[in-house]
Amino acid sequence: MGIIAKSTLTCPHCGHAKTLTMPTDYCQFYYECTECGTLLKPLAGDCCVFCSYGDVPCPPIQEQKGCCG
């Protein structure tokens, strides 16, 4: 099974969901919600916003390579 490149981020503040293509060469530490403007940051123990708020973890985690941090 290959890497899933898209993940749907859901803002914990307003509930807005947006499907995005995840970067494969770096971790995305911040994401600004396009609905409410809240700046999302990874939760403690997560390496990126996709691991914290997405429905699919980032590519390095999918490949069991650990955090790309």
Protein backbone atom coordinates (compact mmCIF):
# COMPACT_ATOMS: atom_id res chain seq x y z
CA MET A 1 0.00 0.00 0.00
CA GLY A 2 1.37 3.40 -0.96
CA ILE A 3 1.51 6.65 0.88
CA ILE A 4 -1.74 8.59 1.21
CA ALA A 5 -0.91 12.14 0.12
CA LYS A 6 -4.09 13.95 1.19
CA SER A 7 -5.47 14.57 4.64
CA THR A 8 -8.51 16.48 5.82
CA LEU A 9 -7.63 18.92 8.60
CA THR A 10 -10.44 19.82 10.99
CA CYS A 11 -10.11 22.98 13.05
CA PRO A 12 -10.79 22.20 16.73
CA HIS A 13 -12.06 25.75 17.28
CA CYS A 14 -14.70 26.14 14.57
CA GLY A 15 -15.02 22.64 13.08
CA HIS A 16 -14.14 23.74 9.55
CA ALA A 17 -12.61 20.91 7.51
CA LYS A 18 -10.34 21.27 4.49
CA THR A 19 -8.61 18.56 2.44
CA LEU A 20 -4.98 19.37 1.73
CA THR A 21 -2.02 17.69 0.05
CA MET A 22 0.63 16.95 2.64
CA PRO A 23 4.25 17.87 2.01
CA THR A 24 6.51 14.83 1.66
CA ASP A 25 9.83 16.56 2.31
CA TYR A 26 9.06 18.46 5.54
CA CYS A 27 6.64 18.56 8.46
CA GLN A 28 4.04 21.30 8.45
CA PHE A 29 4.17 22.75 11.95
CA TYR A 30 1.56 25.48 11.47
CA TYR A 31 -1.70 25.86 9.60
CA GLU A 32 -4.03 28.85 9.65
CA CYS A 33 -7.70 27.86 9.48
CA THR A 34 -9.24 29.43 6.39
CA GLU A 35 -12.58 29.81 8.18
CA CYS A 36 -11.78 31.35 11.59
CA GLY A 37 -8.09 32.29 11.23
CA THR A 38 -6.92 30.22 14.20
CA LEU A 39 -3.26 29.21 13.94
CA LEU A 40 -3.06 25.48 14.54
CA LYS A 41 0.10 23.95 16.02
CA PRO A 42 0.88 20.28 16.67
CA LEU A 43 -0.39 18.83 19.94
CA ALA A 44 2.16 17.55 22.46
CA GLY A 45 3.71 14.34 21.13
CA ASP A 46 2.75 14.97 17.49
CA CYS A 47 5.22 16.10 14.85
CA CYS A 48 2.91 18.17 12.65
CA VAL A 49 -0.59 19.58 12.22
CA PHE A 50 -1.63 16.63 10.04
CA CYS A 51 -0.84 14.17 12.85
CA SER A 52 -2.79 16.32 15.33
CA TYR A 53 -5.81 17.49 13.31
CA GLY A 54 -5.87 15.43 10.11
CA ASP A 55 -7.67 12.22 9.28
CA VAL A 56 -4.43 10.78 7.83
CA PRO A 57 -0.99 11.07 9.50
CA CYS A 58 1.94 12.67 7.64
CA PRO A 59 3.98 10.63 5.12
CA PRO A 60 7.00 9.99 7.43
CA ILE A 61 4.68 8.55 10.09
CA GLN A 62 2.85 6.48 7.45
CA GLU A 63 6.24 5.06 6.38
CA GLN A 64 7.10 4.38 10.06
CA LYS A 65 10.14 6.66 9.79
CA GLY A 66 9.12 8.67 12.83
CA CYS A 67 8.91 12.41 13.03
CA CYS A 68 10.50 14.45 10.31
CA GLY A 69 11.32 17.15 12.87
